[in-house]
Amino acid sequence: MDTIERTAQVNDGITARIGAFLERREALKDSDRYFYLQPTTGPTNHRVTMADGRDMVQLASYSYLGLIGHPRIDAASKAAIDTYGTGAGGVRLLTGTTDLHEQLEARIATFAGREDACVYSSGYVTNIAIITGLTGPGDLILMDKLDHASIVDGALLSGAKWKTYRHNDMDHLEKLLSQAAGNYNTVLVVADSVFSMDGDVMDLPRTHALCREYGARLMVDEAHSVGSLGATGHGIEEHFDMVGSIDLKMGTLSKSIPSIGGYLAGSREMVDYQRHMSRPFIFSAALPPAQTAAAIEAFNVIDDEPERVAQLHRVTARYSEGLRAQGWNTMDSTTCVVPVLVGEESKTMDLTRMLFDRGIFVCPIVHPAVPRGMDRLRTCLMATHTDADIDQALDAFAEAGAHLGLI
């Protein structure tokens, strides 16, 4: 087979996959059931303005503390542009490091209770950077079955052997750890703190104990727990009163922190090693000054305004209890990520349509993002949601659910 024939075969396969996707997407659009890439205008907060002018309750944002548009954060970002311009001009290792980047890393380290921190260009890249930088052939990675895709991709790219344990099943994790004992250079256990599709929390006490018993390192993805867990929003260690129990703390700067990027917080030696050895750090441009300054000030605001965390917890409880009282299945969620399990894709899309028509911005989550039969809406609460917002959302769920025979 010559090169032209091989290329034609590859293109035929690509064309078929693209065609199948486009056919499905057009069918959803034709039935007015396509809810992705919805354009909005202005800042995203507890309410959002759609490009067509509709005002809607926002139940799909990760901005859990409602810090987008906070005047202190905006002012810090604008001042950074005035001082540094709009870009860093290179990768951190060579020309892209500014004193702002060093200030941000020091601020993260203090917030996380660690010696040092290293900032990356996105949360997705951060997980890949940590896992590929610290593991390779001869190592084993053990992941919760529901860990984020970036953790899975990091494991695949690392060259290490990897296995998954059943979701939050500590007996299964212990079995895998006992089988691995003495057979690998390093065993790395990786788990989400808050699972982004289900809204439940990892079993940190048992996971930590098992890692110590079997000599494994523990890495935790705090993307959805910083700002949302713990009395002051400091995350999973504060939530369980286990400060210092995690070896590698990963976090993002694009959820409760209204910026972009991700970070590793840990020992000084570990972090410095990653600055010089993790490819995503070496070969990715530095965060822009405006986003760096915004992240610094956001951490300051979280510490200065702990009432936001308390309000988030109050809003979450009122909303979740209201849904359950109506008869909705919110699964095992105990956090501000509240899934509403429907089970069938068509009914999930119908429910989304009715909620949109009633002024509620929600996101349908269907296969392959979740297993078939586990289709759902994933709703997210914010500290800035008002009682009127929650009432409007609950009324819409009640009306739509009754109409569709779901409750």
Protein backbone atom coordinates (compact mmCIF):
# COMPACT_ATOMS: atom_id res chain seq x y z
CA MET A 1 0.00 0.00 0.00
CA ASP A 2 1.51 3.33 -1.02
CA THR A 3 1.44 6.57 0.96
CA ILE A 4 -1.51 8.03 -0.98
CA GLU A 5 -3.66 4.96 -0.29
CA ARG A 6 -2.77 4.97 3.42
CA THR A 7 -3.63 8.68 3.66
CA ALA A 8 -6.97 8.07 1.95
CA GLN A 9 -7.80 5.35 4.49
CA VAL A 10 -6.97 7.61 7.41
CA ASN A 11 -9.03 10.43 5.96
CA ASP A 12 -11.95 8.08 5.34
CA GLY A 13 -11.93 7.11 9.03
CA ILE A 14 -11.69 10.72 10.15
CA THR A 15 -14.45 11.72 7.76
CA ALA A 16 -16.71 8.99 9.10
CA ARG A 17 -16.21 10.07 12.71
CA ILE A 18 -16.77 13.73 11.89
CA GLY A 19 -19.83 12.86 9.85
CA ALA A 20 -21.38 10.85 12.67
CA PHE A 21 -20.80 13.70 15.10
CA LEU A 22 -22.23 16.33 12.77
CA GLU A 23 -25.30 14.20 12.12
CA ARG A 24 -25.96 13.87 15.84
CA ARG A 25 -25.38 17.55 16.49
CA GLU A 26 -27.67 18.65 13.67
CA ALA A 27 -30.40 16.33 14.94
CA LEU A 28 -30.15 18.01 18.36
CA LYS A 29 -30.26 21.47 16.78
CA ASP A 30 -33.24 20.56 14.61
CA SER A 31 -35.15 19.46 17.70
CA ASP A 32 -34.07 22.56 19.64
CA ARG A 33 -32.11 20.36 22.05
CA TYR A 34 -28.56 21.63 21.52
CA PHE A 35 -27.43 23.48 24.64
CA TYR A 36 -23.65 23.66 24.25
CA LEU A 37 -21.47 26.65 23.31
CA GLN A 38 -24.26 29.03 24.36
CA PRO A 39 -22.94 32.60 23.92
CA THR A 40 -23.37 35.02 26.81
CA THR A 41 -22.51 38.66 27.23
CA GLY A 42 -21.04 40.46 30.22
CA PRO A 43 -19.66 38.87 33.39
CA THR A 44 -20.86 35.49 34.63
CA ASN A 45 -22.30 35.55 38.11
CA HIS A 46 -25.44 34.22 39.77
CA ARG A 47 -27.35 35.54 36.78
CA VAL A 48 -26.14 35.72 33.21
CA THR A 49 -27.25 37.58 30.10
CA MET A 50 -27.49 35.52 26.95
CA ALA A 51 -26.40 36.94 23.61
CA ASP A 52 -30.08 37.24 22.63
CA GLY A 53 -30.74 39.40 25.69
CA ARG A 54 -32.40 36.84 27.98
CA ASP A 55 -31.62 37.14 31.68
CA MET A 56 -31.17 33.71 33.29
CA VAL A 57 -30.27 32.17 36.64
CA GLN A 58 -26.78 30.70 36.20
CA LEU A 59 -26.62 27.10 37.46
CA ALA A 60 -23.67 25.92 35.40
CA SER A 61 -20.73 28.06 36.49
CA TYR A 62 -17.71 26.91 38.49
CA SER A 63 -17.32 30.40 39.98
CA TYR A 64 -18.45 29.03 43.33
CA LEU A 65 -17.69 32.14 45.37
CA GLY A 66 -19.03 34.58 42.77
CA LEU A 67 -15.71 36.42 42.49
CA ILE A 68 -15.91 37.25 38.78
CA GLY A 69 -16.20 41.02 38.65
CA HIS A 70 -15.09 41.57 42.25
CA PRO A 71 -13.80 45.17 42.32
CA ARG A 72 -10.55 44.36 44.13
CA ILE A 73 -9.71 41.57 41.72
CA ASP A 74 -10.58 43.64 38.65
CA ALA A 75 -8.49 46.55 39.95
CA ALA A 76 -5.47 44.30 40.52
CA SER A 77 -5.77 42.90 37.01
CA LYS A 78 -6.00 46.35 35.41
CA ALA A 79 -3.04 47.63 37.41
CA ALA A 80 -0.96 44.68 36.22
CA ILE A 81 -1.63 45.57 32.59
CA ASP A 82 -0.55 49.14 33.26
CA THR A 83 2.72 47.92 34.79
CA TYR A 84 3.56 44.78 32.80
CA GLY A 85 1.50 44.92 29.61
CA THR A 86 -0.67 42.09 28.31
CA GLY A 87 1.79 39.19 28.05
CA ALA A 88 4.83 37.68 29.73
CA GLY A 89 6.74 37.23 26.48
CA GLY A 90 8.01 33.70 26.94
CA VAL A 91 8.14 30.49 28.90
CA ARG A 92 8.80 30.72 32.62
CA LEU A 93 12.14 28.91 32.54
CA LEU A 94 13.67 31.40 30.10
CA THR A 95 12.20 34.90 29.78
CA GLY A 96 8.63 34.66 31.08
CA THR A 97 9.06 34.81 34.85
CA THR A 98 8.08 38.09 36.49
CA ASP A 99 7.97 39.04 40.13
CA LEU A 100 4.18 38.67 39.86
CA HIS A 101 4.56 34.96 39.10
CA GLU A 102 6.79 34.54 42.13
CA GLN A 103 4.29 36.44 44.28
CA LEU A 104 1.47 34.19 43.08
CA GLU A 105 3.40 31.02 43.83
CA ALA A 106 4.27 32.29 47.30
CA ARG A 107 0.61 33.22 47.90
CA ILE A 108 -0.58 29.77 46.80
CA ALA A 109 1.98 28.07 49.04
CA THR A 110 0.75 30.05 52.03
CA PHE A 111 -2.91 29.36 51.20
CA ALA A 112 -2.23 25.65 50.73
CA GLY A 113 0.01 25.36 53.79
CA ARG A 114 2.98 24.13 51.77
CA GLU A 115 6.59 25.17 51.30
CA ASP A 116 6.29 26.13 47.64
CA ALA A 117 4.04 26.11 44.60
CA CYS A 118 4.47 26.00 40.84
CA VAL A 119 1.97 27.60 38.43
CA TYR A 120 0.98 26.16 35.05
CA SER A 121 -1.03 27.52 32.13
CA SER A 122 -4.22 25.51 32.81
CA GLY A 123 -5.64 23.01 35.25
CA TYR A 124 -5.70 20.29 32.60
CA VAL A 125 -2.03 20.87 31.81
CA THR A 126 -1.20 20.86 35.53
CA ASN A 127 -2.37 17.31 36.08
CA ILE A 128 -0.49 16.12 33.02
CA ALA A 129 2.63 18.00 34.15
CA ILE A 130 2.64 16.56 37.66
CA ILE A 131 1.97 12.97 36.67
CA THR A 132 4.32 12.83 33.68
CA GLY A 133 7.01 14.75 35.56
CA LEU A 134 7.06 12.42 38.55
CA THR A 135 6.20 8.97 37.20
CA GLY A 136 7.34 6.78 34.35
CA PRO A 137 8.22 3.20 33.45
CA GLY A 138 8.59 1.09 36.58
CA ASP A 139 5.99 3.11 38.50
CA LEU A 140 2.30 2.48 39.22
CA ILE A 141 -0.54 5.02 39.25
CA LEU A 142 -3.77 4.16 41.05
CA MET A 143 -6.74 6.37 40.15
CA ASP A 144 -10.31 6.61 41.35
CA LYS A 145 -12.63 5.38 38.58
CA LEU A 146 -14.26 8.83 38.38
CA ASP A 147 -11.09 10.92 38.33
CA HIS A 148 -10.95 13.82 35.88
CA ALA A 149 -9.94 13.14 32.27
CA SER A 150 -6.72 15.14 32.71
CA ILE A 151 -5.57 12.70 35.39
CA VAL A 152 -6.28 9.77 33.08
CA ASP A 153 -4.45 11.46 30.22
CA GLY A 154 -1.48 12.20 32.47
CA ALA A 155 -1.29 8.53 33.41
CA LEU A 156 -1.50 7.45 29.78
CA LEU A 157 1.29 9.84 28.78
CA SER A 158 3.57 9.01 31.70
CA GLY A 159 4.63 5.56 30.57
CA ALA A 160 3.83 4.19 34.02
CA LYS A 161 1.48 1.30 34.59
CA TRP A 162 -1.92 2.45 35.81
CA LYS A 163 -5.05 0.95 37.29
CA THR A 164 -8.36 2.33 38.53
CA TYR A 165 -10.10 1.47 41.78
CA ARG A 166 -13.85 1.51 42.17
CA HIS A 167 -15.20 4.93 43.06
CA ASN A 168 -14.42 5.77 46.68
CA ASP A 169 -14.04 2.03 47.38
CA MET A 170 -11.27 1.92 49.96
CA ASP A 171 -11.29 -1.87 50.19
CA HIS A 172 -10.56 -2.08 46.46
CA LEU A 173 -7.81 0.54 46.79
CA GLU A 174 -6.24 -1.42 49.63
CA LYS A 175 -6.32 -4.61 47.54
CA LEU A 176 -4.49 -2.88 44.69
CA LEU A 177 -1.95 -1.34 47.07
CA SER A 178 -1.24 -4.68 48.71
CA GLN A 179 -0.71 -6.31 45.31
CA ALA A 180 1.66 -3.51 44.30
CA ALA A 181 3.83 -3.65 47.42
CA GLY A 182 7.50 -4.08 46.49
CA ASN A 183 6.82 -4.35 42.75
CA TYR A 184 7.23 -0.73 41.66
CA ASN A 185 9.68 2.11 42.17
CA THR A 186 6.88 4.49 43.11
CA VAL A 187 3.15 4.04 43.69
CA LEU A 188 1.13 7.22 43.20
CA VAL A 189 -2.51 7.36 44.31
CA VAL A 190 -4.48 10.15 42.62
CA ALA A 191 -8.01 11.27 43.45
CA ASP A 192 -10.29 14.22 42.92
CA SER A 193 -11.23 16.01 46.13
CA VAL A 194 -14.74 16.79 44.87
CA PHE A 195 -15.84 14.67 41.92
CA SER A 196 -16.99 17.08 39.25
CA MET A 197 -19.85 15.00 37.82
CA ASP A 198 -21.23 13.57 41.07
CA GLY A 199 -20.50 16.26 43.64
CA ASP A 200 -19.35 13.84 46.33
CA VAL A 201 -16.11 14.03 48.31
CA MET A 202 -13.15 11.64 48.36
CA ASP A 203 -12.50 9.62 51.51
CA LEU A 204 -9.34 11.49 52.48
CA PRO A 205 -8.91 9.94 55.96
CA ARG A 206 -8.91 6.37 54.68
CA THR A 207 -6.98 7.16 51.48
CA HIS A 208 -4.27 8.90 53.49
CA ALA A 209 -4.05 6.03 55.97
CA LEU A 210 -3.71 3.45 53.20
CA CYS A 211 -1.03 5.44 51.41
CA ARG A 212 0.99 5.66 54.62
CA GLU A 213 0.52 1.97 55.38
CA TYR A 214 1.67 0.84 51.94
CA GLY A 215 4.30 3.51 51.23
CA ALA A 216 2.44 5.25 48.39
CA ARG A 217 2.44 8.95 47.59
CA LEU A 218 -0.90 10.78 47.57
CA MET A 219 -1.88 13.38 44.98
CA VAL A 220 -5.24 15.19 45.25
CA ASP A 221 -6.90 17.35 42.60
CA GLU A 222 -8.47 20.29 44.46
CA ALA A 223 -10.07 21.90 41.41
CA HIS A 224 -13.57 21.86 42.89
CA SER A 225 -12.76 22.01 46.61
CA VAL A 226 -10.76 25.24 46.97
CA GLY A 227 -13.28 27.91 47.90
CA SER A 228 -16.07 25.39 48.46
CA LEU A 229 -14.87 22.96 51.15
CA GLY A 230 -13.84 23.81 54.68
CA ALA A 231 -15.11 26.54 56.96
CA THR A 232 -12.90 29.14 55.24
CA GLY A 233 -12.71 27.56 51.78
CA HIS A 234 -9.21 26.16 52.11
CA GLY A 235 -10.26 22.83 50.68
CA ILE A 236 -10.31 19.16 51.50
CA GLU A 237 -7.65 19.17 54.22
CA GLU A 238 -9.56 21.83 56.16
CA HIS A 239 -12.82 19.95 55.54
CA PHE A 240 -11.44 16.84 57.27
CA ASP A 241 -9.14 18.72 59.69
CA MET A 242 -6.14 16.96 58.12
CA VAL A 243 -3.82 19.81 57.15
CA GLY A 244 -0.53 18.49 55.76
CA SER A 245 -1.84 15.02 54.88
CA ILE A 246 -1.50 15.31 51.07
CA ASP A 247 1.88 14.94 49.36
CA LEU A 248 0.95 16.70 46.10
CA LYS A 249 -1.81 19.28 46.08
CA MET A 250 -3.07 20.23 42.65
CA GLY A 251 -5.46 23.14 42.16
CA THR A 252 -6.91 25.37 39.49
CA LEU A 253 -7.11 29.13 39.08
CA SER A 254 -10.28 29.15 36.97
CA LYS A 255 -13.10 28.10 39.30
CA SER A 256 -13.41 29.75 42.70
CA ILE A 257 -10.33 31.71 41.63
CA PRO A 258 -11.58 33.85 38.68
CA SER A 259 -8.51 33.62 36.46
CA ILE A 260 -6.83 30.86 34.46
CA GLY A 261 -4.13 28.30 35.16
CA GLY A 262 -3.33 25.59 37.65
CA TYR A 263 -0.76 24.82 40.32
CA LEU A 264 1.15 22.20 42.24
CA ALA A 265 1.76 22.87 45.93
CA GLY A 266 4.16 20.69 47.90
CA SER A 267 7.63 20.44 49.32
CA ARG A 268 10.25 22.93 48.11
CA GLU A 269 12.39 20.18 46.57
CA MET A 270 9.44 18.57 44.74
CA VAL A 271 8.19 21.83 43.31
CA ASP A 272 11.63 23.01 42.21
CA TYR A 273 12.21 19.69 40.48
CA GLN A 274 8.96 20.15 38.56
CA ARG A 275 9.94 23.65 37.44
CA HIS A 276 12.97 22.18 35.72
CA MET A 277 11.68 18.76 34.62
CA SER A 278 7.95 18.93 33.74
CA ARG A 279 7.56 19.52 30.03
CA PRO A 280 4.30 21.56 30.24
CA PHE A 281 6.12 24.07 32.45
CA ILE A 282 9.23 24.18 30.27
CA PHE A 283 7.40 24.50 26.95
CA SER A 284 4.27 26.57 27.80
CA ALA A 285 4.12 30.36 27.87
CA ALA A 286 3.81 32.06 31.24
CA LEU A 287 0.47 33.27 32.56
CA PRO A 288 -0.37 36.82 31.41
CA PRO A 289 0.24 39.49 34.07
CA ALA A 290 -3.44 40.45 34.34
CA GLN A 291 -4.47 36.87 35.12
CA THR A 292 -1.57 36.39 37.53
CA ALA A 293 -2.48 39.49 39.51
CA ALA A 294 -6.15 38.55 39.50
CA ALA A 295 -5.33 35.16 41.03
CA ILE A 296 -3.18 36.72 43.77
CA GLU A 297 -5.93 39.11 44.80
CA ALA A 298 -8.57 36.36 44.64
CA PHE A 299 -6.73 34.35 47.28
CA ASN A 300 -6.58 37.52 49.39
CA VAL A 301 -10.32 38.06 48.98
CA ILE A 302 -11.14 34.50 50.02
CA ASP A 303 -9.19 34.97 53.23
CA ASP A 304 -10.65 38.44 53.83
CA GLU A 305 -14.28 37.51 53.11
CA PRO A 306 -14.95 34.11 54.74
CA GLU A 307 -18.64 34.96 54.81
CA ARG A 308 -18.74 34.04 51.13
CA VAL A 309 -17.93 30.44 51.98
CA ALA A 310 -20.58 30.33 54.69
CA GLN A 311 -23.13 31.77 52.25
CA LEU A 312 -22.20 29.17 49.62
CA HIS A 313 -22.82 26.39 52.14
CA ARG A 314 -26.18 27.90 53.10
CA VAL A 315 -27.32 28.32 49.51
CA THR A 316 -26.22 24.80 48.64
CA ALA A 317 -28.16 23.27 51.53
CA ARG A 318 -31.36 25.16 50.68
CA TYR A 319 -31.18 24.24 47.00
CA SER A 320 -30.24 20.56 47.51
CA GLU A 321 -32.89 20.01 50.19
CA GLY A 322 -35.46 21.68 47.95
CA LEU A 323 -34.67 19.37 45.03
CA ARG A 324 -34.78 16.25 47.18
CA ALA A 325 -38.09 17.33 48.70
CA GLN A 326 -39.53 17.48 45.18
CA GLY A 327 -38.36 13.92 44.54
CA TRP A 328 -35.24 14.50 42.47
CA ASN A 329 -32.22 12.18 42.82
CA THR A 330 -29.15 14.31 43.62
CA MET A 331 -27.01 11.16 44.03
CA ASP A 332 -24.42 11.34 46.83
CA SER A 333 -23.63 15.03 46.44
CA THR A 334 -22.71 16.88 49.62
CA THR A 335 -21.17 19.90 47.89
CA CYS A 336 -22.08 22.85 45.69
CA VAL A 337 -21.86 20.55 42.64
CA VAL A 338 -25.37 19.06 42.61
CA PRO A 339 -26.24 16.50 39.93
CA VAL A 340 -29.89 15.91 39.05
CA LEU A 341 -30.04 12.32 37.81
CA VAL A 342 -32.51 11.69 34.97
CA GLY A 343 -31.20 8.48 33.39
CA GLU A 344 -32.23 8.85 29.76
CA GLU A 345 -30.65 11.21 27.24
CA SER A 346 -33.91 12.25 25.59
CA LYS A 347 -35.57 13.10 28.90
CA THR A 348 -32.43 14.90 30.06
CA MET A 349 -32.56 17.08 26.96
CA ASP A 350 -36.31 17.67 27.38
CA LEU A 351 -35.78 18.75 30.99
CA THR A 352 -32.97 21.09 29.94
CA ARG A 353 -35.21 22.64 27.29
CA MET A 354 -38.01 23.31 29.76
CA LEU A 355 -35.61 24.80 32.31
CA PHE A 356 -34.01 27.04 29.67
CA ASP A 357 -37.48 28.25 28.68
CA ARG A 358 -38.08 29.15 32.33
CA GLY A 359 -34.89 31.18 32.64
CA ILE A 360 -32.56 28.57 34.18
CA PHE A 361 -29.14 28.05 32.59
CA VAL A 362 -28.19 24.40 33.13
CA CYS A 363 -25.91 21.90 31.39
CA PRO A 364 -27.01 18.41 30.30
CA ILE A 365 -24.38 15.72 30.85
CA VAL A 366 -24.87 12.65 28.66
CA HIS A 367 -22.91 9.67 27.33
CA PRO A 368 -19.94 9.45 26.80
CA ALA A 369 -19.23 12.00 29.56
CA VAL A 370 -21.13 9.67 31.91
CA PRO A 371 -22.16 6.00 31.53
CA ARG A 372 -25.36 5.25 29.63
CA GLY A 373 -28.35 5.37 31.91
CA MET A 374 -26.64 7.95 34.15
CA ASP A 375 -27.56 11.01 32.07
CA ARG A 376 -28.12 14.06 34.26
CA LEU A 377 -28.06 17.76 34.71
CA ARG A 378 -25.02 19.04 36.56
CA THR A 379 -25.94 22.14 38.52
CA CYS A 380 -23.54 24.34 40.45
CA LEU A 381 -24.26 26.79 43.24
CA MET A 382 -22.60 30.14 43.87
CA ALA A 383 -22.27 32.21 47.02
CA THR A 384 -23.95 35.09 45.20
CA HIS A 385 -27.16 33.19 44.43
CA THR A 386 -30.08 34.93 46.12
CA ASP A 387 -33.15 33.39 47.70
CA ALA A 388 -35.10 34.66 44.67
CA ASP A 389 -32.69 32.81 42.33
CA ILE A 390 -33.12 29.57 44.28
CA ASP A 391 -36.91 29.97 44.37
CA GLN A 392 -37.00 30.52 40.60
CA ALA A 393 -34.83 27.44 40.01
CA LEU A 394 -36.82 25.19 42.33
CA ASP A 395 -40.13 26.36 40.85
CA ALA A 396 -38.82 25.62 37.36
CA PHE A 397 -37.64 22.14 38.36
CA ALA A 398 -40.99 21.39 39.99
CA GLU A 399 -43.01 22.49 36.96
CA ALA A 400 -40.77 20.82 34.39
CA GLY A 401 -40.40 17.62 36.38
CA ALA A 402 -44.14 17.22 36.86
CA HIS A 403 -44.83 17.95 33.18
CA LEU A 404 -42.30 15.33 32.06
CA GLY A 405 -43.34 12.76 34.66
CA LEU A 406 -39.90 12.74 36.25
CA ILE A 407 -41.07 13.53 39.80
